[in-house]
PDB file of all heavy atoms in Angstrom:
ATOM      1  N   GLY A   1      -4.733  -9.034   0.996  1.00  0.00           N
ATOM      2  CA  GLY A   1      -4.020 -10.281   1.240  1.00  0.00           C
ATOM      3  C   GLY A   1      -2.733 -10.383   0.443  1.00  0.00           C
ATOM      4  O   GLY A   1      -2.341  -9.467  -0.268  1.00  0.00           O
ATOM      5  N   VAL A   2      -2.050 -11.526   0.574  1.00  0.00           N
ATOM      6  CA  VAL A   2      -0.769 -11.757  -0.100  1.00  0.00           C
ATOM      7  C   VAL A   2      -0.979 -12.598  -1.354  1.00  0.00           C
ATOM      8  O   VAL A   2      -1.631 -13.642  -1.307  1.00  0.00           O
ATOM      9  CB  VAL A   2       0.221 -12.462   0.840  1.00  0.00           C
ATOM     10  CG1 VAL A   2       1.511 -12.813   0.099  1.00  0.00           C
ATOM     11  CG2 VAL A   2       0.529 -11.592   2.051  1.00  0.00           C
ATOM     12  N   ASN A   3      -0.431 -12.138  -2.470  1.00  0.00           N
ATOM     13  CA  ASN A   3      -0.472 -12.900  -3.716  1.00  0.00           C
ATOM     14  C   ASN A   3       0.713 -13.866  -3.716  1.00  0.00           C
ATOM     15  O   ASN A   3       1.807 -13.534  -4.169  1.00  0.00           O
ATOM     16  CB  ASN A   3      -0.416 -11.957  -4.920  1.00  0.00           C
ATOM     17  CG  ASN A   3      -0.610 -12.682  -6.239  1.00  0.00           C
ATOM     18  OD1 ASN A   3      -0.334 -13.871  -6.354  1.00  0.00           O
ATOM     19  ND2 ASN A   3      -1.087 -11.961  -7.243  1.00  0.00           N
ATOM     20  N   ARG A   4       0.484 -15.073  -3.206  1.00  0.00           N
ATOM     21  CA  ARG A   4       1.573 -16.040  -3.055  1.00  0.00           C
ATOM     22  C   ARG A   4       2.152 -16.454  -4.407  1.00  0.00           C
ATOM     23  O   ARG A   4       3.357 -16.669  -4.533  1.00  0.00           O
ATOM     24  CB  ARG A   4       1.064 -17.266  -2.305  1.00  0.00           C
ATOM     25  CG  ARG A   4       0.504 -16.960  -0.924  1.00  0.00           C
ATOM     26  CD  ARG A   4      -0.059 -18.233  -0.265  1.00  0.00           C
ATOM     27  NE  ARG A   4      -0.683 -17.927   1.010  1.00  0.00           N
ATOM     28  CZ  ARG A   4      -1.941 -17.578   1.156  1.00  0.00           C
ATOM     29  NH1 ARG A   4      -2.711 -17.468   0.072  1.00  0.00           N
ATOM     30  NH2 ARG A   4      -2.439 -17.338   2.351  1.00  0.00           N
ATOM     31  N   GLU A   5       1.291 -16.598  -5.400  1.00  0.00           N
ATOM     32  CA  GLU A   5       1.761 -17.026  -6.722  1.00  0.00           C
ATOM     33  C   GLU A   5       2.726 -16.008  -7.312  1.00  0.00           C
ATOM     34  O   GLU A   5       3.745 -16.370  -7.915  1.00  0.00           O
ATOM     35  CB  GLU A   5       0.557 -17.238  -7.638  1.00  0.00           C
ATOM     36  CG  GLU A   5       0.885 -17.938  -8.954  1.00  0.00           C
ATOM     37  CD  GLU A   5       1.394 -16.986 -10.011  1.00  0.00           C
ATOM     38  OE1 GLU A   5       0.971 -15.808 -10.003  1.00  0.00           O
ATOM     39  OE2 GLU A   5       2.221 -17.407 -10.842  1.00  0.00           O
ATOM     40  N   ALA A   6       2.435 -14.722  -7.124  1.00  0.00           N
ATOM     41  CA  ALA A   6       3.327 -13.683  -7.628  1.00  0.00           C
ATOM     42  C   ALA A   6       4.673 -13.740  -6.920  1.00  0.00           C
ATOM     43  O   ALA A   6       5.730 -13.659  -7.553  1.00  0.00           O
ATOM     44  CB  ALA A   6       2.687 -12.304  -7.448  1.00  0.00           C
ATOM     45  N   LEU A   7       4.650 -13.890  -5.595  1.00  0.00           N
ATOM     46  CA  LEU A   7       5.908 -13.949  -4.846  1.00  0.00           C
ATOM     47  C   LEU A   7       6.760 -15.128  -5.299  1.00  0.00           C
ATOM     48  O   LEU A   7       7.983 -15.009  -5.427  1.00  0.00           O
ATOM     49  CB  LEU A   7       5.629 -14.045  -3.346  1.00  0.00           C
ATOM     50  CG  LEU A   7       4.844 -12.893  -2.702  1.00  0.00           C
ATOM     51  CD1 LEU A   7       4.775 -13.089  -1.192  1.00  0.00           C
ATOM     52  CD2 LEU A   7       5.472 -11.546  -3.030  1.00  0.00           C
ATOM     53  N   ARG A   8       6.112 -16.272  -5.542  1.00  0.00           N
ATOM     54  CA  ARG A   8       6.866 -17.445  -6.004  1.00  0.00           C
ATOM     55  C   ARG A   8       7.498 -17.210  -7.368  1.00  0.00           C
ATOM     56  O   ARG A   8       8.595 -17.691  -7.647  1.00  0.00           O
ATOM     57  CB  ARG A   8       5.949 -18.674  -6.062  1.00  0.00           C
ATOM     58  CG  ARG A   8       5.595 -19.259  -4.706  1.00  0.00           C
ATOM     59  CD  ARG A   8       4.966 -20.638  -4.852  1.00  0.00           C
ATOM     60  NE  ARG A   8       3.685 -20.569  -5.515  1.00  0.00           N
ATOM     61  CZ  ARG A   8       2.516 -20.429  -4.893  1.00  0.00           C
ATOM     62  NH1 ARG A   8       2.500 -20.335  -3.571  1.00  0.00           N
ATOM     63  NH2 ARG A   8       1.389 -20.390  -5.566  1.00  0.00           N
ATOM     64  N   SER A   9       6.813 -16.451  -8.217  1.00  0.00           N
ATOM     65  CA  SER A   9       7.348 -16.207  -9.558  1.00  0.00           C
ATOM     66  C   SER A   9       8.505 -15.211  -9.534  1.00  0.00           C
ATOM     67  O   SER A   9       9.336 -15.205 -10.431  1.00  0.00           O
ATOM     68  CB  SER A   9       6.238 -15.713 -10.484  1.00  0.00           C
ATOM     69  OG  SER A   9       5.850 -14.394 -10.148  1.00  0.00           O
ATOM     70  N   TRP A  10       8.572 -14.373  -8.501  1.00  0.00           N
ATOM     71  CA  TRP A  10       9.621 -13.357  -8.433  1.00  0.00           C
ATOM     72  C   TRP A  10      10.859 -13.816  -7.671  1.00  0.00           C
ATOM     73  O   TRP A  10      11.972 -13.403  -7.975  1.00  0.00           O
ATOM     74  CB  TRP A  10       9.082 -12.083  -7.775  1.00  0.00           C
ATOM     75  CG  TRP A  10       7.912 -11.496  -8.482  1.00  0.00           C
ATOM     76  CD1 TRP A  10       7.552 -11.672  -9.791  1.00  0.00           C
ATOM     77  CD2 TRP A  10       6.912 -10.630  -7.920  1.00  0.00           C
ATOM     78  NE1 TRP A  10       6.404 -10.984 -10.083  1.00  0.00           N
ATOM     79  CE2 TRP A  10       5.985 -10.332  -8.962  1.00  0.00           C
ATOM     80  CE3 TRP A  10       6.698 -10.076  -6.656  1.00  0.00           C
ATOM     81  CZ2 TRP A  10       4.882  -9.507  -8.756  1.00  0.00           C
ATOM     82  CZ3 TRP A  10       5.591  -9.258  -6.448  1.00  0.00           C
ATOM     83  CH2 TRP A  10       4.697  -8.981  -7.499  1.00  0.00           C
ATOM     84  N   ALA A  11      10.662 -14.658  -6.665  1.00  0.00           N
ATOM     85  CA  ALA A  11      11.767 -15.051  -5.789  1.00  0.00           C
ATOM     86  C   ALA A  11      12.700 -16.052  -6.452  1.00  0.00           C
ATOM     87  O   ALA A  11      12.320 -16.783  -7.376  1.00  0.00           O
ATOM     88  CB  ALA A  11      11.219 -15.639  -4.496  1.00  0.00           C
ATOM     89  N   SER A  12      13.916 -16.102  -5.956  1.00  0.00           N
ATOM     90  CA  SER A  12      14.854 -17.147  -6.367  1.00  0.00           C
ATOM     91  C   SER A  12      14.362 -18.481  -5.812  1.00  0.00           C
ATOM     92  O   SER A  12      13.581 -18.535  -4.862  1.00  0.00           O
ATOM     93  CB  SER A  12      16.254 -16.837  -5.830  1.00  0.00           C
ATOM     94  OG  SER A  12      16.754 -15.634  -6.376  1.00  0.00           O
ATOM     95  N   GLY A  13      14.834 -19.560  -6.389  1.00  0.00           N
ATOM     96  CA  GLY A  13      14.461 -20.880  -5.898  1.00  0.00           C
ATOM     97  C   GLY A  13      15.529 -21.460  -4.978  1.00  0.00           C
ATOM     98  O   GLY A  13      16.685 -21.017  -5.017  1.00  0.00           O
ATOM     99  N   PRO A  14      15.157 -22.429  -4.150  1.00  0.00           N
ATOM    100  CA  PRO A  14      13.794 -22.928  -3.948  1.00  0.00           C
ATOM    101  C   PRO A  14      12.958 -21.944  -3.127  1.00  0.00           C
ATOM    102  O   PRO A  14      13.481 -21.260  -2.250  1.00  0.00           O
ATOM    103  CB  PRO A  14      14.012 -24.241  -3.178  1.00  0.00           C
ATOM    104  CG  PRO A  14      15.288 -24.017  -2.439  1.00  0.00           C
ATOM    105  CD  PRO A  14      16.150 -23.164  -3.340  1.00  0.00           C
ATOM    106  N   SER A  15      11.661 -21.896  -3.385  1.00  0.00           N
ATOM    107  CA  SER A  15      10.817 -20.877  -2.761  1.00  0.00           C
ATOM    108  C   SER A  15      10.741 -21.013  -1.248  1.00  0.00           C
ATOM    109  O   SER A  15      10.594 -20.012  -0.545  1.00  0.00           O
ATOM    110  CB  SER A  15       9.402 -20.935  -3.356  1.00  0.00           C
ATOM    111  OG  SER A  15       8.815 -22.204  -3.141  1.00  0.00           O
ATOM    112  N   ASP A  16      10.864 -22.242  -0.717  1.00  0.00           N
ATOM    113  CA  ASP A  16      10.764 -22.420   0.729  1.00  0.00           C
ATOM    114  C   ASP A  16      11.811 -21.625   1.492  1.00  0.00           C
ATOM    115  O   ASP A  16      11.590 -21.227   2.635  1.00  0.00           O
ATOM    116  CB  ASP A  16      10.896 -23.901   1.099  1.00  0.00           C
ATOM    117  CG  ASP A  16       9.632 -24.680   0.811  1.00  0.00           C
ATOM    118  OD1 ASP A  16       8.618 -24.038   0.476  1.00  0.00           O
ATOM    119  OD2 ASP A  16       9.661 -25.920   0.923  1.00  0.00           O
ATOM    120  N   SER A  17      12.968 -21.393   0.881  1.00  0.00           N
ATOM    121  CA  SER A  17      14.033 -20.669   1.570  1.00  0.00           C
ATOM    122  C   SER A  17      14.207 -19.242   1.056  1.00  0.00           C
ATOM    123  O   SER A  17      15.113 -18.537   1.495  1.00  0.00           O
ATOM    124  CB  SER A  17      15.361 -21.420   1.434  1.00  0.00           C
ATOM    125  OG  SER A  17      15.704 -21.606   0.073  1.00  0.00           O
ATOM    126  N   HIS A  18      13.332 -18.812   0.155  1.00  0.00           N
ATOM    127  CA  HIS A  18      13.461 -17.459  -0.385  1.00  0.00           C
ATOM    128  C   HIS A  18      12.177 -16.640  -0.276  1.00  0.00           C
ATOM    129  O   HIS A  18      12.123 -15.527  -0.789  1.00  0.00           O
ATOM    130  CB  HIS A  18      13.908 -17.510  -1.855  1.00  0.00           C
ATOM    131  CG  HIS A  18      15.317 -18.006  -2.024  1.00  0.00           C
ATOM    132  ND1 HIS A  18      15.631 -19.339  -2.082  1.00  0.00           N
ATOM    133  CD2 HIS A  18      16.490 -17.339  -2.115  1.00  0.00           C
ATOM    134  CE1 HIS A  18      16.943 -19.481  -2.218  1.00  0.00           C
ATOM    135  NE2 HIS A  18      17.484 -18.286  -2.238  1.00  0.00           N
ATOM    136  N   ILE A  19      11.157 -17.198   0.367  1.00  0.00           N
ATOM    137  CA  ILE A  19       9.913 -16.465   0.581  1.00  0.00           C
ATOM    138  C   ILE A  19       9.547 -16.516   2.050  1.00  0.00           C
ATOM    139  O   ILE A  19       9.572 -17.585   2.668  1.00  0.00           O
ATOM    140  CB  ILE A  19       8.750 -17.036  -0.247  1.00  0.00           C
ATOM    141  CG1 ILE A  19       9.020 -16.853  -1.743  1.00  0.00           C
ATOM    142  CG2 ILE A  19       7.429 -16.352   0.121  1.00  0.00           C
ATOM    143  CD1 ILE A  19       7.965 -17.473  -2.628  1.00  0.00           C
ATOM    144  N   ILE A  20       9.224 -15.358   2.607  1.00  0.00           N
ATOM    145  CA  ILE A  20       8.723 -15.243   3.973  1.00  0.00           C
ATOM    146  C   ILE A  20       7.346 -14.619   3.862  1.00  0.00           C
ATOM    147  O   ILE A  20       7.194 -13.555   3.273  1.00  0.00           O
ATOM    148  CB  ILE A  20       9.630 -14.348   4.839  1.00  0.00           C
ATOM    149  CG1 ILE A  20      11.049 -14.918   4.884  1.00  0.00           C
ATOM    150  CG2 ILE A  20       9.059 -14.189   6.239  1.00  0.00           C
ATOM    151  CD1 ILE A  20      12.060 -13.942   5.433  1.00  0.00           C
ATOM    152  N   GLU A  21       6.344 -15.292   4.412  1.00  0.00           N
ATOM    153  CA  GLU A  21       4.993 -14.734   4.337  1.00  0.00           C
ATOM    154  C   GLU A  21       4.494 -14.354   5.717  1.00  0.00           C
ATOM    155  O   GLU A  21       4.489 -15.168   6.642  1.00  0.00           O
ATOM    156  CB  GLU A  21       4.023 -15.738   3.716  1.00  0.00           C
ATOM    157  CG  GLU A  21       2.643 -15.149   3.513  1.00  0.00           C
ATOM    158  CD  GLU A  21       1.687 -16.116   2.858  1.00  0.00           C
ATOM    159  OE1 GLU A  21       2.165 -17.129   2.279  1.00  0.00           O
ATOM    160  OE2 GLU A  21       0.470 -15.878   2.924  1.00  0.00           O
ATOM    161  N   ILE A  22       4.080 -13.109   5.856  1.00  0.00           N
ATOM    162  CA  ILE A  22       3.469 -12.614   7.078  1.00  0.00           C
ATOM    163  C   ILE A  22       1.971 -12.566   6.824  1.00  0.00           C
ATOM    164  O   ILE A  22       1.493 -11.784   6.006  1.00  0.00           O
ATOM    165  CB  ILE A  22       4.001 -11.212   7.447  1.00  0.00           C
ATOM    166  CG1 ILE A  22       5.526 -11.220   7.461  1.00  0.00           C
ATOM    167  CG2 ILE A  22       3.432 -10.760   8.770  1.00  0.00           C
ATOM    168  CD1 ILE A  22       6.141 -12.253   8.384  1.00  0.00           C
ATOM    169  N   ARG A  23       1.231 -13.427   7.501  1.00  0.00           N
ATOM    170  CA  ARG A  23      -0.169 -13.631   7.170  1.00  0.00           C
ATOM    171  C   ARG A  23      -1.069 -12.584   7.809  1.00  0.00           C
ATOM    172  O   ARG A  23      -0.620 -11.508   8.171  1.00  0.00           O
ATOM    173  CB  ARG A  23      -0.593 -15.045   7.584  1.00  0.00           C
ATOM    174  CG  ARG A  23       0.243 -16.139   6.891  1.00  0.00           C
ATOM    175  CD  ARG A  23      -0.165 -17.509   7.374  1.00  0.00           C
ATOM    176  NE  ARG A  23       0.725 -18.532   6.851  1.00  0.00           N
ATOM    177  CZ  ARG A  23       0.588 -19.139   5.687  1.00  0.00           C
ATOM    178  NH1 ARG A  23      -0.411 -18.822   4.906  1.00  0.00           N
ATOM    179  NH2 ARG A  23       1.434 -20.063   5.301  1.00  0.00           N
ATOM    180  N   GLU A  24      -2.374 -12.939   7.965  1.00  0.00           N
ATOM    181  CA  GLU A  24      -3.360 -12.005   8.477  1.00  0.00           C
ATOM    182  C   GLU A  24      -2.986 -11.510   9.871  1.00  0.00           C
ATOM    183  O   GLU A  24      -2.291 -12.181  10.620  1.00  0.00           O
ATOM    184  CB  GLU A  24      -4.749 -12.665   8.526  1.00  0.00           C
ATOM    185  CG  GLU A  24      -5.357 -12.923   7.152  1.00  0.00           C
ATOM    186  CD  GLU A  24      -4.849 -14.205   6.528  1.00  0.00           C
ATOM    187  OE1 GLU A  24      -4.044 -14.893   7.187  1.00  0.00           O
ATOM    188  OE2 GLU A  24      -5.241 -14.512   5.399  1.00  0.00           O
ATOM    189  N   LEU A  25      -3.511 -10.329  10.212  1.00  0.00           N
ATOM    190  CA  LEU A  25      -3.163  -9.709  11.480  1.00  0.00           C
ATOM    191  C   LEU A  25      -3.506 -10.593  12.674  1.00  0.00           C
ATOM    192  O   LEU A  25      -2.853 -10.524  13.704  1.00  0.00           O
ATOM    193  CB  LEU A  25      -3.875  -8.352  11.612  1.00  0.00           C
ATOM    194  CG  LEU A  25      -3.426  -7.262  10.641  1.00  0.00           C
ATOM    195  CD1 LEU A  25      -4.249  -6.000  10.872  1.00  0.00           C
ATOM    196  CD2 LEU A  25      -1.949  -6.973  10.785  1.00  0.00           C
ATOM    197  N   GLY A  26      -4.530 -11.417  12.539  1.00  0.00           N
ATOM    198  CA  GLY A  26      -4.947 -12.247  13.660  1.00  0.00           C
ATOM    199  C   GLY A  26      -4.073 -13.464  13.895  1.00  0.00           C
ATOM    200  O   GLY A  26      -4.290 -14.185  14.856  1.00  0.00           O
TER     201      GLY A  26
END
């Protein structure tokens, strides 16, 4: 799965415009 907390800590802010999450295959 995706570690969302890690991505938020690495990305520039605000996270809504700097993180793209591709979820489960289904």
